[in-house]
């Protein structure tokens, strides 16, 4: 089962800040699932978390909005 992104707000239009926060949460949940076994063994967990958080900066605000919107709509349809 895929990690659930944060619940969408009641208004369809979210601010860039809201989208960025939801995207970061979604991105970290997905990465955590993918690296679950490594996280159990990794002594440098804080380094990995920092690297993952920095990775969110690679996505433009438009890409983040698209991903958050797609993830929210797929969750409602599930």
N, C-alpha and C. Protein backbone atom coordinates (compact mmCIF):
# COMPACT_ATOMS: atom_id res chain seq x y z
N UNK A 1 0.84 -1.17 0.00
CA UNK A 1 0.00 0.00 0.00
C UNK A 1 0.89 1.24 0.00
N UNK A 2 0.59 2.19 -0.87
CA UNK A 2 1.39 3.40 -0.99
C UNK A 2 1.12 4.31 0.20
N UNK A 3 2.15 5.06 0.65
CA UNK A 3 1.92 6.00 1.73
C UNK A 3 0.88 7.02 1.32
N UNK A 4 0.09 7.43 2.27
CA UNK A 4 -0.97 8.38 1.99
C UNK A 4 -0.43 9.80 2.11
N UNK A 5 -0.62 10.62 1.07
CA UNK A 5 -0.22 12.02 1.19
C UNK A 5 -1.14 12.72 2.17
N UNK A 6 -0.73 13.87 2.67
CA UNK A 6 -1.59 14.60 3.59
C UNK A 6 -2.96 14.85 2.97
N UNK A 7 -3.98 14.91 3.80
CA UNK A 7 -5.33 15.15 3.31
C UNK A 7 -5.40 16.48 2.60
N UNK A 8 -6.10 16.52 1.48
CA UNK A 8 -6.22 17.79 0.76
C UNK A 8 -7.06 18.76 1.55
N UNK A 9 -6.73 20.05 1.40
CA UNK A 9 -7.52 21.06 2.09
C UNK A 9 -8.87 21.20 1.39
N UNK A 10 -9.87 21.77 2.09
CA UNK A 10 -11.19 21.88 1.49
C UNK A 10 -11.22 22.79 0.26
N UNK A 11 -10.28 23.74 0.16
CA UNK A 11 -10.25 24.61 -1.00
C UNK A 11 -9.37 23.99 -2.07
N UNK A 12 -9.82 24.04 -3.33
CA UNK A 12 -9.05 23.39 -4.40
C UNK A 12 -7.72 24.08 -4.67
N UNK A 13 -7.62 25.36 -4.44
CA UNK A 13 -6.39 26.09 -4.73
C UNK A 13 -5.59 26.26 -3.46
N UNK A 14 -4.41 25.69 -3.44
CA UNK A 14 -3.52 25.78 -2.28
C UNK A 14 -2.41 26.75 -2.59
N UNK A 15 -1.89 27.36 -1.55
CA UNK A 15 -0.75 28.25 -1.75
C UNK A 15 0.49 27.43 -2.07
N UNK A 16 1.49 28.07 -2.64
CA UNK A 16 2.74 27.37 -2.94
C UNK A 16 3.35 26.82 -1.66
N UNK A 17 3.21 27.54 -0.55
CA UNK A 17 3.77 27.09 0.72
C UNK A 17 3.06 25.82 1.19
N UNK A 18 1.74 25.76 1.06
CA UNK A 18 0.99 24.57 1.44
C UNK A 18 1.37 23.38 0.56
N UNK A 19 1.48 23.64 -0.73
CA UNK A 19 1.86 22.57 -1.66
C UNK A 19 3.26 22.06 -1.33
N UNK A 20 4.18 22.97 -1.06
CA UNK A 20 5.55 22.58 -0.74
C UNK A 20 5.59 21.72 0.53
N UNK A 21 4.82 22.08 1.53
CA UNK A 21 4.78 21.31 2.78
C UNK A 21 4.19 19.91 2.52
N UNK A 22 3.10 19.84 1.76
CA UNK A 22 2.50 18.55 1.44
C UNK A 22 3.43 17.70 0.59
N UNK A 23 4.11 18.34 -0.37
CA UNK A 23 5.03 17.61 -1.23
C UNK A 23 6.19 17.04 -0.41
N UNK A 24 6.76 17.84 0.48
CA UNK A 24 7.85 17.36 1.32
C UNK A 24 7.42 16.16 2.14
N UNK A 25 6.24 16.24 2.72
CA UNK A 25 5.72 15.12 3.50
C UNK A 25 5.55 13.88 2.64
N UNK A 26 4.95 14.04 1.48
CA UNK A 26 4.72 12.93 0.56
C UNK A 26 6.05 12.32 0.10
N UNK A 27 6.98 13.18 -0.28
CA UNK A 27 8.30 12.75 -0.77
C UNK A 27 9.04 11.95 0.31
N UNK A 28 9.02 12.46 1.54
CA UNK A 28 9.71 11.77 2.63
C UNK A 28 9.05 10.44 2.97
N UNK A 29 7.72 10.38 2.90
CA UNK A 29 7.01 9.12 3.15
C UNK A 29 7.38 8.08 2.10
N UNK A 30 7.40 8.49 0.85
CA UNK A 30 7.75 7.56 -0.23
C UNK A 30 9.19 7.07 -0.08
N UNK A 31 10.10 7.99 0.18
CA UNK A 31 11.51 7.63 0.33
C UNK A 31 11.71 6.72 1.54
N UNK A 32 11.01 7.00 2.62
CA UNK A 32 11.11 6.16 3.81
C UNK A 32 10.68 4.74 3.51
N UNK A 33 9.60 4.62 2.75
CA UNK A 33 9.13 3.27 2.39
C UNK A 33 10.19 2.56 1.54
N UNK A 34 10.75 3.25 0.57
CA UNK A 34 11.73 2.64 -0.33
C UNK A 34 13.02 2.26 0.41
N UNK A 35 13.41 3.03 1.39
CA UNK A 35 14.66 2.79 2.10
C UNK A 35 14.45 2.16 3.48
N UNK A 36 13.30 1.56 3.72
CA UNK A 36 12.95 1.04 5.04
C UNK A 36 14.02 0.10 5.60
N UNK A 37 14.48 -0.84 4.80
CA UNK A 37 15.49 -1.79 5.29
C UNK A 37 16.80 -1.08 5.62
N UNK A 38 17.20 -0.14 4.77
CA UNK A 38 18.44 0.59 5.01
C UNK A 38 18.34 1.47 6.24
N UNK A 39 17.15 2.03 6.47
CA UNK A 39 16.97 2.90 7.63
C UNK A 39 17.14 2.12 8.93
N UNK A 40 16.75 0.85 8.92
CA UNK A 40 16.92 0.02 10.11
C UNK A 40 18.39 -0.21 10.43
N UNK A 41 19.24 -0.18 9.41
CA UNK A 41 20.67 -0.48 9.59
C UNK A 41 21.53 0.78 9.64
N UNK A 42 20.99 1.90 9.24
CA UNK A 42 21.78 3.10 9.02
C UNK A 42 22.02 3.87 10.32
N UNK A 43 23.30 4.03 10.67
CA UNK A 43 23.66 4.80 11.86
C UNK A 43 23.61 6.31 11.58
N UNK A 44 23.64 6.69 10.32
CA UNK A 44 23.65 8.11 9.95
C UNK A 44 22.28 8.55 9.46
N UNK A 45 21.26 8.20 10.20
CA UNK A 45 19.89 8.50 9.79
C UNK A 45 19.66 9.99 9.57
N UNK A 46 20.20 10.82 10.43
CA UNK A 46 20.00 12.26 10.29
C UNK A 46 20.60 12.79 8.99
N UNK A 47 21.68 12.21 8.52
CA UNK A 47 22.29 12.61 7.25
C UNK A 47 21.36 12.25 6.10
N UNK A 48 20.79 11.05 6.16
CA UNK A 48 19.88 10.61 5.11
C UNK A 48 18.63 11.48 5.07
N UNK A 49 18.08 11.80 6.22
CA UNK A 49 16.88 12.64 6.27
C UNK A 49 17.19 14.02 5.69
N UNK A 50 18.32 14.58 6.04
CA UNK A 50 18.71 15.88 5.50
C UNK A 50 18.86 15.85 3.99
N UNK A 51 19.46 14.78 3.50
CA UNK A 51 19.64 14.65 2.04
C UNK A 51 18.29 14.52 1.34
N UNK A 52 17.38 13.77 1.92
CA UNK A 52 16.05 13.62 1.32
C UNK A 52 15.30 14.94 1.32
N UNK A 53 15.39 15.69 2.40
CA UNK A 53 14.72 16.98 2.45
C UNK A 53 15.29 17.94 1.41
N UNK A 54 16.59 17.91 1.22
CA UNK A 54 17.21 18.76 0.20
C UNK A 54 16.77 18.33 -1.20
N UNK A 55 16.49 17.05 -1.37
CA UNK A 55 16.05 16.54 -2.66
C UNK A 55 14.74 17.13 -3.12
N UNK A 56 13.91 17.60 -2.20
CA UNK A 56 12.65 18.20 -2.60
C UNK A 56 12.87 19.49 -3.39
N UNK A 57 14.02 20.13 -3.19
CA UNK A 57 14.32 21.38 -3.89
C UNK A 57 14.57 21.15 -5.38
N UNK A 58 14.76 19.91 -5.78
CA UNK A 58 14.99 19.61 -7.20
C UNK A 58 13.71 19.72 -8.02
N UNK A 59 12.57 19.75 -7.35
CA UNK A 59 11.29 19.83 -8.04
C UNK A 59 10.79 21.26 -8.03
N UNK A 60 10.37 21.74 -9.19
CA UNK A 60 9.84 23.10 -9.28
C UNK A 60 8.50 23.17 -8.55
N UNK A 61 8.06 24.38 -8.20
CA UNK A 61 6.74 24.51 -7.57
C UNK A 61 5.62 23.90 -8.42
N UNK A 62 5.72 24.02 -9.73
CA UNK A 62 4.71 23.46 -10.63
C UNK A 62 4.71 21.93 -10.56
N UNK A 63 5.91 21.34 -10.52
CA UNK A 63 6.01 19.88 -10.41
C UNK A 63 5.48 19.40 -9.06
N UNK A 64 5.81 20.13 -8.01
CA UNK A 64 5.31 19.77 -6.68
C UNK A 64 3.78 19.81 -6.65
N UNK A 65 3.21 20.87 -7.21
CA UNK A 65 1.75 21.01 -7.23
C UNK A 65 1.12 19.85 -8.02
N UNK A 66 1.70 19.50 -9.15
CA UNK A 66 1.17 18.40 -9.96
C UNK A 66 1.21 17.09 -9.20
N UNK A 67 2.32 16.82 -8.54
CA UNK A 67 2.48 15.57 -7.80
C UNK A 67 1.52 15.51 -6.62
N UNK A 68 1.42 16.60 -5.86
CA UNK A 68 0.50 16.63 -4.71
C UNK A 68 -0.94 16.47 -5.18
N UNK A 69 -1.30 17.15 -6.25
CA UNK A 69 -2.67 17.07 -6.77
C UNK A 69 -2.97 15.66 -7.27
N UNK A 70 -2.04 15.06 -8.00
CA UNK A 70 -2.23 13.70 -8.51
C UNK A 70 -2.34 12.70 -7.36
N UNK A 71 -1.47 12.84 -6.36
CA UNK A 71 -1.50 11.92 -5.23
C UNK A 71 -2.80 12.06 -4.45
N UNK A 72 -3.27 13.29 -4.28
CA UNK A 72 -4.53 13.51 -3.56
C UNK A 72 -5.72 12.93 -4.32
N UNK A 73 -5.75 13.10 -5.64
CA UNK A 73 -6.87 12.59 -6.42
C UNK A 73 -6.85 11.06 -6.51
N UNK A 74 -5.66 10.46 -6.52
CA UNK A 74 -5.58 9.00 -6.55
C UNK A 74 -5.98 8.41 -5.21
N UNK A 75 -5.74 9.14 -4.14
CA UNK A 75 -6.15 8.68 -2.81
C UNK A 75 -7.66 8.70 -2.67
N UNK A 76 -8.29 9.72 -3.21
CA UNK A 76 -9.76 9.81 -3.15
C UNK A 76 -10.40 8.74 -3.99
N UNK A 77 -9.76 8.32 -5.06
CA UNK A 77 -10.33 7.31 -5.94
C UNK A 77 -10.07 5.89 -5.46
N UNK A 78 -9.23 5.74 -4.46
CA UNK A 78 -8.87 4.39 -3.97
C UNK A 78 -9.87 3.84 -3.00
